[in-house]
Amino acid sequence: MLELIHRYVETLDKYFGNVCELDLIFNFQKAYFILNELVLCGELCESSKRTILRVVSQQDEIEQQENSERGWGDINLDGVAKSALLSVQEFKQSFTR
């Protein structure tokens, strides 16, 4: 069991670069997808990190293609959050003047 957890963490680390708690919080779908590739019905399904990462990257490509077909493109959530924060700050300043 510990070996399985270690393999999962190694795979997450390879996928996210240097995995941290925030990667798991904001990308829990990817974390579950990677776990699903690793374990199926409680049994170790695939032990090769390379194979798991290849499947996940293929899924990422399909997801990007579907998003571009829908017209979503690459949504930059950091930019959206920053612009929303700036808008709130400007709104507050308009009342303090």
PDB file of N, CA and C in Angstrom:
ATOM      1  N   MET A   1       0.822  -1.194   0.000  1.00  0.00           N
ATOM      2  CA  MET A   1       0.000   0.000   0.000  1.00  0.00           C
ATOM      3  C   MET A   1       0.864   1.254   0.000  1.00  0.00           C
ATOM      4  N   LEU A   2       1.904   1.273   0.830  1.00  0.00           N
ATOM      5  CA  LEU A   2       2.793   2.429   0.879  1.00  0.00           C
ATOM      6  C   LEU A   2       3.491   2.639  -0.461  1.00  0.00           C
ATOM      7  N   GLU A   3       3.815   1.559  -1.119  1.00  0.00           N
ATOM      8  CA  GLU A   3       4.443   1.656  -2.428  1.00  0.00           C
ATOM      9  C   GLU A   3       3.496   2.289  -3.441  1.00  0.00           C
ATOM     10  N   LEU A   4       2.228   1.942  -3.353  1.00  0.00           N
ATOM     11  CA  LEU A   4       1.217   2.515  -4.240  1.00  0.00           C
ATOM     12  C   LEU A   4       1.072   4.019  -4.006  1.00  0.00           C
ATOM     13  N   ILE A   5       1.037   4.424  -2.738  1.00  0.00           N
ATOM     14  CA  ILE A   5       0.937   5.848  -2.407  1.00  0.00           C
ATOM     15  C   ILE A   5       2.179   6.584  -2.899  1.00  0.00           C
ATOM     16  N   HIS A   6       3.332   5.965  -2.714  1.00  0.00           N
ATOM     17  CA  HIS A   6       4.572   6.577  -3.180  1.00  0.00           C
ATOM     18  C   HIS A   6       4.569   6.743  -4.700  1.00  0.00           C
ATOM     19  N   ARG A   7       4.094   5.745  -5.410  1.00  0.00           N
ATOM     20  CA  ARG A   7       4.022   5.819  -6.877  1.00  0.00           C
ATOM     21  C   ARG A   7       3.060   6.922  -7.309  1.00  0.00           C
ATOM     22  N   TYR A   8       1.947   7.068  -6.603  1.00  0.00           N
ATOM     23  CA  TYR A   8       0.965   8.116  -6.906  1.00  0.00           C
ATOM     24  C   TYR A   8       1.572   9.505  -6.706  1.00  0.00           C
ATOM     25  N   VAL A   9       2.263   9.688  -5.595  1.00  0.00           N
ATOM     26  CA  VAL A   9       2.892  10.984  -5.319  1.00  0.00           C
ATOM     27  C   VAL A   9       3.983  11.270  -6.344  1.00  0.00           C
ATOM     28  N   GLU A  10       4.767  10.277  -6.725  1.00  0.00           N
ATOM     29  CA  GLU A  10       5.790  10.476  -7.748  1.00  0.00           C
ATOM     30  C   GLU A  10       5.166  10.897  -9.073  1.00  0.00           C
ATOM     31  N   THR A  11       4.058  10.267  -9.429  1.00  0.00           N
ATOM     32  CA  THR A  11       3.385  10.596 -10.687  1.00  0.00           C
ATOM     33  C   THR A  11       2.802  12.003 -10.634  1.00  0.00           C
ATOM     34  N   LEU A  12       2.186  12.370  -9.510  1.00  0.00           N
ATOM     35  CA  LEU A  12       1.674  13.732  -9.355  1.00  0.00           C
ATOM     36  C   LEU A  12       2.801  14.745  -9.435  1.00  0.00           C
ATOM     37  N   ASP A  13       3.926  14.428  -8.805  1.00  0.00           N
ATOM     38  CA  ASP A  13       5.070  15.324  -8.829  1.00  0.00           C
ATOM     39  C   ASP A  13       5.602  15.502 -10.240  1.00  0.00           C
ATOM     40  N   LYS A  14       5.619  14.450 -10.994  1.00  0.00           N
ATOM     41  CA  LYS A  14       6.095  14.517 -12.381  1.00  0.00           C
ATOM     42  C   LYS A  14       5.123  15.337 -13.237  1.00  0.00           C
ATOM     43  N   TYR A  15       3.820  15.174 -13.029  1.00  0.00           N
ATOM     44  CA  TYR A  15       2.819  15.876 -13.829  1.00  0.00           C
ATOM     45  C   TYR A  15       2.774  17.371 -13.500  1.00  0.00           C
ATOM     46  N   PHE A  16       2.728  17.708 -12.225  1.00  0.00           N
ATOM     47  CA  PHE A  16       2.575  19.099 -11.808  1.00  0.00           C
ATOM     48  C   PHE A  16       3.912  19.827 -11.678  1.00  0.00           C
ATOM     49  N   GLY A  17       4.997  19.139 -11.867  1.00  0.00           N
ATOM     50  CA  GLY A  17       6.295  19.766 -11.662  1.00  0.00           C
ATOM     51  C   GLY A  17       6.748  19.497 -10.251  1.00  0.00           C
ATOM     52  N   ASN A  18       6.419  20.345  -9.339  1.00  0.00           N
ATOM     53  CA  ASN A  18       6.710  20.141  -7.926  1.00  0.00           C
ATOM     54  C   ASN A  18       5.374  20.236  -7.201  1.00  0.00           C
ATOM     55  N   VAL A  19       4.702  19.110  -7.055  1.00  0.00           N
ATOM     56  CA  VAL A  19       3.322  19.094  -6.562  1.00  0.00           C
ATOM     57  C   VAL A  19       3.240  19.651  -5.148  1.00  0.00           C
ATOM     58  N   CYS A  20       2.202  20.437  -4.923  1.00  0.00           N
ATOM     59  CA  CYS A  20       1.936  20.966  -3.590  1.00  0.00           C
ATOM     60  C   CYS A  20       0.426  20.857  -3.334  1.00  0.00           C
ATOM     61  N   GLU A  21       0.027  21.234  -2.144  1.00  0.00           N
ATOM     62  CA  GLU A  21      -1.374  21.121  -1.747  1.00  0.00           C
ATOM     63  C   GLU A  21      -2.291  21.927  -2.658  1.00  0.00           C
ATOM     64  N   LEU A  22      -1.847  23.111  -3.085  1.00  0.00           N
ATOM     65  CA  LEU A  22      -2.675  23.956  -3.944  1.00  0.00           C
ATOM     66  C   LEU A  22      -2.917  23.322  -5.310  1.00  0.00           C
ATOM     67  N   ASP A  23      -1.907  22.587  -5.822  1.00  0.00           N
ATOM     68  CA  ASP A  23      -2.109  21.872  -7.082  1.00  0.00           C
ATOM     69  C   ASP A  23      -3.252  20.883  -6.955  1.00  0.00           C
ATOM     70  N   LEU A  24      -3.310  20.203  -5.828  1.00  0.00           N
ATOM     71  CA  LEU A  24      -4.362  19.211  -5.616  1.00  0.00           C
ATOM     72  C   LEU A  24      -5.718  19.865  -5.386  1.00  0.00           C
ATOM     73  N   ILE A  25      -5.724  21.013  -4.720  1.00  0.00           N
ATOM     74  CA  ILE A  25      -6.990  21.696  -4.452  1.00  0.00           C
ATOM     75  C   ILE A  25      -7.597  22.237  -5.734  1.00  0.00           C
ATOM     76  N   PHE A  26      -6.780  22.911  -6.545  1.00  0.00           N
ATOM     77  CA  PHE A  26      -7.305  23.564  -7.736  1.00  0.00           C
ATOM     78  C   PHE A  26      -7.371  22.656  -8.954  1.00  0.00           C
ATOM     79  N   ASN A  27      -6.750  21.488  -8.880  1.00  0.00           N
ATOM     80  CA  ASN A  27      -6.767  20.546 -10.003  1.00  0.00           C
ATOM     81  C   ASN A  27      -7.148  19.151  -9.530  1.00  0.00           C
ATOM     82  N   PHE A  28      -8.150  19.085  -8.644  1.00  0.00           N
ATOM     83  CA  PHE A  28      -8.504  17.780  -8.082  1.00  0.00           C
ATOM     84  C   PHE A  28      -9.016  16.817  -9.148  1.00  0.00           C
ATOM     85  N   GLN A  29      -9.588  17.337 -10.244  1.00  0.00           N
ATOM     86  CA  GLN A  29     -10.043  16.447 -11.312  1.00  0.00           C
ATOM     87  C   GLN A  29      -8.862  15.697 -11.925  1.00  0.00           C
ATOM     88  N   LYS A  30      -7.749  16.410 -12.135  1.00  0.00           N
ATOM     89  CA  LYS A  30      -6.552  15.771 -12.690  1.00  0.00           C
ATOM     90  C   LYS A  30      -5.980  14.763 -11.697  1.00  0.00           C
ATOM     91  N   ALA A  31      -5.990  15.113 -10.417  1.00  0.00           N
ATOM     92  CA  ALA A  31      -5.469  14.200  -9.404  1.00  0.00           C
ATOM     93  C   ALA A  31      -6.293  12.914  -9.377  1.00  0.00           C
ATOM     94  N   TYR A  32      -7.616  13.038  -9.474  1.00  0.00           N
ATOM     95  CA  TYR A  32      -8.477  11.846  -9.513  1.00  0.00           C
ATOM     96  C   TYR A  32      -8.274  11.060 -10.799  1.00  0.00           C
ATOM     97  N   PHE A  33      -8.067  11.771 -11.912  1.00  0.00           N
ATOM     98  CA  PHE A  33      -7.851  11.088 -13.182  1.00  0.00           C
ATOM     99  C   PHE A  33      -6.560  10.276 -13.131  1.00  0.00           C
ATOM    100  N   ILE A  34      -5.508  10.866 -12.568  1.00  0.00           N
ATOM    101  CA  ILE A  34      -4.238  10.150 -12.445  1.00  0.00           C
ATOM    102  C   ILE A  34      -4.395   8.950 -11.520  1.00  0.00           C
ATOM    103  N   LEU A  35      -5.101   9.123 -10.418  1.00  0.00           N
ATOM    104  CA  LEU A  35      -5.345   8.007  -9.505  1.00  0.00           C
ATOM    105  C   LEU A  35      -6.151   6.909 -10.189  1.00  0.00           C
ATOM    106  N   ASN A  36      -7.112   7.299 -11.010  1.00  0.00           N
ATOM    107  CA  ASN A  36      -7.927   6.328 -11.737  1.00  0.00           C
ATOM    108  C   ASN A  36      -7.086   5.552 -12.744  1.00  0.00           C
ATOM    109  N   GLU A  37      -6.087   6.202 -13.346  1.00  0.00           N
ATOM    110  CA  GLU A  37      -5.201   5.493 -14.263  1.00  0.00           C
ATOM    111  C   GLU A  37      -4.296   4.527 -13.516  1.00  0.00           C
ATOM    112  N   LEU A  38      -3.961   4.861 -12.283  1.00  0.00           N
ATOM    113  CA  LEU A  38      -3.059   4.052 -11.481  1.00  0.00           C
ATOM    114  C   LEU A  38      -3.783   2.872 -10.836  1.00  0.00           C
ATOM    115  N   VAL A  39      -4.973   3.123 -10.303  1.00  0.00           N
ATOM    116  CA  VAL A  39      -5.723   2.101  -9.566  1.00  0.00           C
ATOM    117  C   VAL A  39      -7.098   1.939 -10.193  1.00  0.00           C
ATOM    118  N   LEU A  40      -7.506   0.711 -10.402  1.00  0.00           N
ATOM    119  CA  LEU A  40      -8.826   0.422 -10.965  1.00  0.00           C
ATOM    120  C   LEU A  40      -9.455  -0.692 -10.147  1.00  0.00           C
ATOM    121  N   CYS A  41     -10.611  -0.442  -9.573  1.00  0.00           N
ATOM    122  CA  CYS A  41     -11.331  -1.420  -8.756  1.00  0.00           C
ATOM    123  C   CYS A  41     -10.483  -1.921  -7.579  1.00  0.00           C
ATOM    124  N   GLY A  42      -9.691  -1.030  -7.005  1.00  0.00           N
ATOM    125  CA  GLY A  42      -8.882  -1.399  -5.858  1.00  0.00           C
ATOM    126  C   GLY A  42      -7.616  -2.160  -6.196  1.00  0.00           C
ATOM    127  N   GLU A  43      -7.359  -2.371  -7.458  1.00  0.00           N
ATOM    128  CA  GLU A  43      -6.175  -3.104  -7.892  1.00  0.00           C
ATOM    129  C   GLU A  43      -5.256  -2.171  -8.662  1.00  0.00           C
ATOM    130  N   LEU A  44      -3.952  -2.407  -8.531  1.00  0.00           N
ATOM    131  CA  LEU A  44      -2.984  -1.645  -9.292  1.00  0.00           C
ATOM    132  C   LEU A  44      -3.191  -1.951 -10.769  1.00  0.00           C
ATOM    133  N   CYS A  45      -3.507  -0.923 -11.527  1.00  0.00           N
ATOM    134  CA  CYS A  45      -3.813  -1.108 -12.939  1.00  0.00           C
ATOM    135  C   CYS A  45      -2.586  -0.854 -13.804  1.00  0.00           C
ATOM    136  N   GLU A  46      -1.903   0.230 -13.544  1.00  0.00           N
ATOM    137  CA  GLU A  46      -0.734   0.613 -14.333  1.00  0.00           C
ATOM    138  C   GLU A  46       0.345   1.118 -13.394  1.00  0.00           C
ATOM    139  N   SER A  47       1.529   0.552 -13.473  1.00  0.00           N
ATOM    140  CA  SER A  47       2.605   0.969 -12.571  1.00  0.00           C
ATOM    141  C   SER A  47       3.608   1.891 -13.249  1.00  0.00           C
ATOM    142  N   SER A  48       3.524   2.031 -14.551  1.00  0.00           N
ATOM    143  CA  SER A  48       4.476   2.855 -15.281  1.00  0.00           C
ATOM    144  C   SER A  48       4.064   4.327 -15.237  1.00  0.00           C
ATOM    145  N   LYS A  49       4.929   5.159 -14.639  1.00  0.00           N
ATOM    146  CA  LYS A  49       4.650   6.598 -14.602  1.00  0.00           C
ATOM    147  C   LYS A  49       4.590   7.165 -16.020  1.00  0.00           C
ATOM    148  N   ARG A  50       5.476   6.681 -16.874  1.00  0.00           N
ATOM    149  CA  ARG A  50       5.540   7.179 -18.250  1.00  0.00           C
ATOM    150  C   ARG A  50       4.217   6.928 -18.980  1.00  0.00           C
ATOM    151  N   THR A  51       3.650   5.754 -18.827  1.00  0.00           N
ATOM    152  CA  THR A  51       2.383   5.425 -19.483  1.00  0.00           C
ATOM    153  C   THR A  51       1.245   6.267 -18.925  1.00  0.00           C
ATOM    154  N   ILE A  52       1.211   6.434 -17.612  1.00  0.00           N
ATOM    155  CA  ILE A  52       0.159   7.242 -16.985  1.00  0.00           C
ATOM    156  C   ILE A  52       0.242   8.682 -17.464  1.00  0.00           C
ATOM    157  N   LEU A  53       1.450   9.243 -17.484  1.00  0.00           N
ATOM    158  CA  LEU A  53       1.617  10.628 -17.919  1.00  0.00           C
ATOM    159  C   LEU A  53       1.291  10.805 -19.401  1.00  0.00           C
ATOM    160  N   ARG A  54       1.575   9.767 -20.206  1.00  0.00           N
ATOM    161  CA  ARG A  54       1.223   9.834 -21.631  1.00  0.00           C
ATOM    162  C   ARG A  54      -0.289   9.895 -21.804  1.00  0.00           C
ATOM    163  N   VAL A  55      -1.018   9.073 -21.062  1.00  0.00           N
ATOM    164  CA  VAL A  55      -2.478   9.061 -21.138  1.00  0.00           C
ATOM    165  C   VAL A  55      -3.061  10.389 -20.644  1.00  0.00           C
ATOM    166  N   VAL A  56      -2.495  10.929 -19.566  1.00  0.00           N
ATOM    167  CA  VAL A  56      -2.982  12.201 -19.025  1.00  0.00           C
ATOM    168  C   VAL A  56      -2.704  13.340 -19.996  1.00  0.00           C
ATOM    169  N   SER A  57      -1.538  13.327 -20.637  1.00  0.00           N
ATOM    170  CA  SER A  57      -1.246  14.389 -21.615  1.00  0.00           C
ATOM    171  C   SER A  57      -2.155  14.273 -22.832  1.00  0.00           C
ATOM    172  N   GLN A  58      -2.494  13.053 -23.249  1.00  0.00           N
ATOM    173  CA  GLN A  58      -3.446  12.876 -24.347  1.00  0.00           C
ATOM    174  C   GLN A  58      -4.814  13.423 -23.950  1.00  0.00           C
ATOM    175  N   GLN A  59      -5.209  13.180 -22.713  1.00  0.00           N
ATOM    176  CA  GLN A  59      -6.484  13.695 -22.232  1.00  0.00           C
ATOM    177  C   GLN A  59      -6.465  15.217 -22.176  1.00  0.00           C
ATOM    178  N   ASP A  60      -5.328  15.813 -21.789  1.00  0.00           N
ATOM    179  CA  ASP A  60      -5.193  17.272 -21.777  1.00  0.00           C
ATOM    180  C   ASP A  60      -5.347  17.849 -23.181  1.00  0.00           C
ATOM    181  N   GLU A  61      -4.743  17.196 -24.168  1.00  0.00           N
ATOM    182  CA  GLU A  61      -4.854  17.653 -25.554  1.00  0.00           C
ATOM    183  C   GLU A  61      -6.300  17.600 -26.040  1.00  0.00           C
ATOM    184  N   ILE A  62      -7.001  16.525 -25.715  1.00  0.00           N
ATOM    185  CA  ILE A  62      -8.412  16.394 -26.104  1.00  0.00           C
ATOM    186  C   ILE A  62      -9.237  17.482 -25.444  1.00  0.00           C
ATOM    187  N   GLU A  63      -8.960  17.748 -24.170  1.00  0.00           N
ATOM    188  CA  GLU A  63      -9.684  18.787 -23.437  1.00  0.00           C
ATOM    189  C   GLU A  63      -9.447  20.165 -24.058  1.00  0.00           C
ATOM    190  N   GLN A  64      -8.193  20.466 -24.423  1.00  0.00           N
ATOM    191  CA  GLN A  64      -7.887  21.744 -25.065  1.00  0.00           C
ATOM    192  C   GLN A  64      -8.584  21.866 -26.413  1.00  0.00           C
ATOM    193  N   GLN A  65      -8.616  20.776 -27.161  1.00  0.00           N
ATOM    194  CA  GLN A  65      -9.278  20.784 -28.460  1.00  0.00           C
ATOM    195  C   GLN A  65     -10.776  21.032 -28.296  1.00  0.00           C
ATOM    196  N   GLU A  66     -11.397  20.377 -27.332  1.00  0.00           N
ATOM    197  CA  GLU A  66     -12.825  20.578 -27.100  1.00  0.00           C
ATOM    198  C   GLU A  66     -13.112  22.003 -26.644  1.00  0.00           C
ATOM    199  N   ASN A  67     -12.251  22.560 -25.795  1.00  0.00           N
ATOM    200  CA  ASN A  67     -12.440  23.935 -25.341  1.00  0.00           C
ATOM    201  C   ASN A  67     -12.317  24.922 -26.492  1.00  0.00           C
ATOM    202  N   SER A  68     -11.375  24.675 -27.394  1.00  0.00           N
ATOM    203  CA  SER A  68     -11.222  25.589 -28.524  1.00  0.00           C
ATOM    204  C   SER A  68     -12.403  25.461 -29.489  1.00  0.00           C
ATOM    205  N   GLU A  69     -12.954  24.263 -29.627  1.00  0.00           N
ATOM    206  CA  GLU A  69     -14.129  24.081 -30.481  1.00  0.00           C
ATOM    207  C   GLU A  69     -15.349  24.781 -29.897  1.00  0.00           C
ATOM    208  N   ARG A  70     -15.428  24.844 -28.573  1.00  0.00           N
ATOM    209  CA  ARG A  70     -16.537  25.527 -27.916  1.00  0.00           C
ATOM    210  C   ARG A  70     -16.342  27.035 -27.884  1.00  0.00           C
ATOM    211  N   GLY A  71     -15.143  27.476 -28.243  1.00  0.00           N
ATOM    212  CA  GLY A  71     -14.855  28.899 -28.238  1.00  0.00           C
ATOM    213  C   GLY A  71     -14.339  29.397 -26.915  1.00  0.00           C
ATOM    214  N   TRP A  72     -14.004  28.482 -26.008  1.00  0.00           N
ATOM    215  CA  TRP A  72     -13.503  28.888 -24.704  1.00  0.00           C
ATOM    216  C   TRP A  72     -12.030  29.241 -24.782  1.00  0.00           C
ATOM    217  N   GLY A  73     -11.280  28.535 -25.643  1.00  0.00           N
ATOM    218  CA  GLY A  73      -9.845  28.776 -25.743  1.00  0.00           C
ATOM    219  C   GLY A  73      -9.159  28.471 -24.431  1.00  0.00           C
ATOM    220  N   ASP A  74      -8.047  29.135 -24.217  1.00  0.00           N
ATOM    221  CA  ASP A  74      -7.326  28.986 -22.951  1.00  0.00           C
ATOM    222  C   ASP A  74      -7.834  30.038 -21.989  1.00  0.00           C
ATOM    223  N   ILE A  75      -8.568  29.606 -21.001  1.00  0.00           N
ATOM    224  CA  ILE A  75      -9.121  30.523 -20.011  1.00  0.00           C
ATOM    225  C   ILE A  75      -8.057  30.757 -18.945  1.00  0.00           C
ATOM    226  N   ASN A  76      -7.691  32.007 -18.761  1.00  0.00           N
ATOM    227  CA  ASN A  76      -6.686  32.372 -17.775  1.00  0.00           C
ATOM    228  C   ASN A  76      -7.402  32.798 -16.505  1.00  0.00           C
ATOM    229  N   LEU A  77      -7.563  31.867 -15.573  1.00  0.00           N
ATOM    230  CA  LEU A  77      -8.299  32.160 -14.347  1.00  0.00           C
ATOM    231  C   LEU A  77      -7.548  33.123 -13.451  1.00  0.00           C
ATOM    232  N   ASP A  78      -6.218  33.092 -13.500  1.00  0.00           N
ATOM    233  CA  ASP A  78      -5.452  34.050 -12.697  1.00  0.00           C
ATOM    234  C   ASP A  78      -5.743  35.472 -13.159  1.00  0.00           C
ATOM    235  N   GLY A  79      -5.775  35.678 -14.466  1.00  0.00           N
ATOM    236  CA  GLY A  79      -6.075  37.006 -15.008  1.00  0.00           C
ATOM    237  C   GLY A  79      -7.488  37.444 -14.658  1.00  0.00           C
ATOM    238  N   VAL A  80      -8.422  36.521 -14.714  1.00  0.00           N
ATOM    239  CA  VAL A  80      -9.813  36.835 -14.376  1.00  0.00           C
ATOM    240  C   VAL A  80      -9.921  37.217 -12.905  1.00  0.00           C
ATOM    241  N   ALA A  81      -9.245  36.474 -12.043  1.00  0.00           N
ATOM    242  CA  ALA A  81      -9.292  36.763 -10.602  1.00  0.00           C
ATOM    243  C   ALA A  81      -8.653  38.118 -10.297  1.00  0.00           C
ATOM    244  N   LYS A  82      -7.535  38.419 -10.951  1.00  0.00           N
ATOM    245  CA  LYS A  82      -6.866  39.706 -10.717  1.00  0.00           C
ATOM    246  C   LYS A  82      -7.727  40.868 -11.195  1.00  0.00           C
ATOM    247  N   SER A  83      -8.349  40.710 -12.357  1.00  0.00           N
ATOM    248  CA  SER A  83      -9.188  41.804 -12.860  1.00  0.00           C
ATOM    249  C   SER A  83     -10.427  41.990 -11.979  1.00  0.00           C
ATOM    250  N   ALA A  84     -10.972  40.900 -11.445  1.00  0.00           N
ATOM    251  CA  ALA A  84     -12.120  41.010 -10.548  1.00  0.00           C
ATOM    252  C   ALA A  84     -11.716  41.708  -9.251  1.00  0.00           C
ATOM    253  N   LEU A  85     -10.536  41.391  -8.743  1.00  0.00           N
ATOM    254  CA  LEU A  85     -10.047  42.035  -7.536  1.00  0.00           C
ATOM    255  C   LEU A  85      -9.832  43.530  -7.761  1.00  0.00           C
ATOM    256  N   LEU A  86      -9.258  43.883  -8.912  1.00  0.00           N
ATOM    257  CA  LEU A  86      -9.070  45.301  -9.227  1.00  0.00           C
ATOM    258  C   LEU A  86     -10.399  46.025  -9.339  1.00  0.00           C
ATOM    259  N   SER A  87     -11.395  45.380  -9.925  1.00  0.00           N
ATOM    260  CA  SER A  87     -12.718  45.986 -10.048  1.00  0.00           C
ATOM    261  C   SER A  87     -13.343  46.232  -8.682  1.00  0.00           C
ATOM    262  N   VAL A  88     -13.183  45.300  -7.768  1.00  0.00           N
ATOM    263  CA  VAL A  88     -13.718  45.461  -6.412  1.00  0.00           C
ATOM    264  C   VAL A  88     -13.006  46.599  -5.701  1.00  0.00           C
ATOM    265  N   GLN A  89     -11.687  46.670  -5.864  1.00  0.00           N
ATOM    266  CA  GLN A  89     -10.925  47.746  -5.231  1.00  0.00           C
ATOM    267  C   GLN A  89     -11.352  49.108  -5.779  1.00  0.00           C
ATOM    268  N   GLU A  90     -11.547  49.200  -7.089  1.00  0.00           N
ATOM    269  CA  GLU A  90     -12.004  50.458  -7.689  1.00  0.00           C
ATOM    270  C   GLU A  90     -13.397  50.821  -7.196  1.00  0.00           C
ATOM    271  N   PHE A  91     -14.250  49.823  -7.039  1.00  0.00           N
ATOM    272  CA  PHE A  91     -15.603  50.053  -6.546  1.00  0.00           C
ATOM    273  C   PHE A  91     -15.571  50.606  -5.127  1.00  0.00           C
ATOM    274  N   LYS A  92     -14.715  50.024  -4.279  1.00  0.00           N
ATOM    275  CA  LYS A  92     -14.585  50.514  -2.894  1.00  0.00           C
ATOM    276  C   LYS A  92     -14.044  51.939  -2.874  1.00  0.00           C
ATOM    277  N   GLN A  93     -13.075  52.225  -3.749  1.00  0.00           N
ATOM    278  CA  GLN A  93     -12.500  53.567  -3.775  1.00  0.00           C
ATOM    279  C   GLN A  93     -13.500  54.602  -4.237  1.00  0.00           C
ATOM    280  N   SER A  94     -14.439  54.218  -5.078  1.00  0.00           N
ATOM    281  CA  SER A  94     -15.429  55.172  -5.557  1.00  0.00           C
ATOM    282  C   SER A  94     -16.346  55.635  -4.419  1.00  0.00           C
ATOM    283  N   PHE A  95     -16.517  54.804  -3.404  1.00  0.00           N
ATOM    284  CA  PHE A  95     -17.357  55.183  -2.269  1.00  0.00           C
ATOM    285  C   PHE A  95     -16.592  55.991  -1.216  1.00  0.00           C
ATOM    286  N   THR A  96     -15.265  55.841  -1.199  1.00  0.00           N
ATOM    287  CA  THR A  96     -14.480  56.566  -0.192  1.00  0.00           C
ATOM    288  C   THR A  96     -14.117  57.976  -0.648  1.00  0.00           C
ATOM    289  N   ARG A  97     -14.368  58.316  -1.898  1.00  0.00           N
ATOM    290  CA  ARG A  97     -14.018  59.652  -2.403  1.00  0.00           C
ATOM    291  C   ARG A  97     -14.993  60.675  -1.984  1.00  0.00           C
TER     292      ARG A  97
END
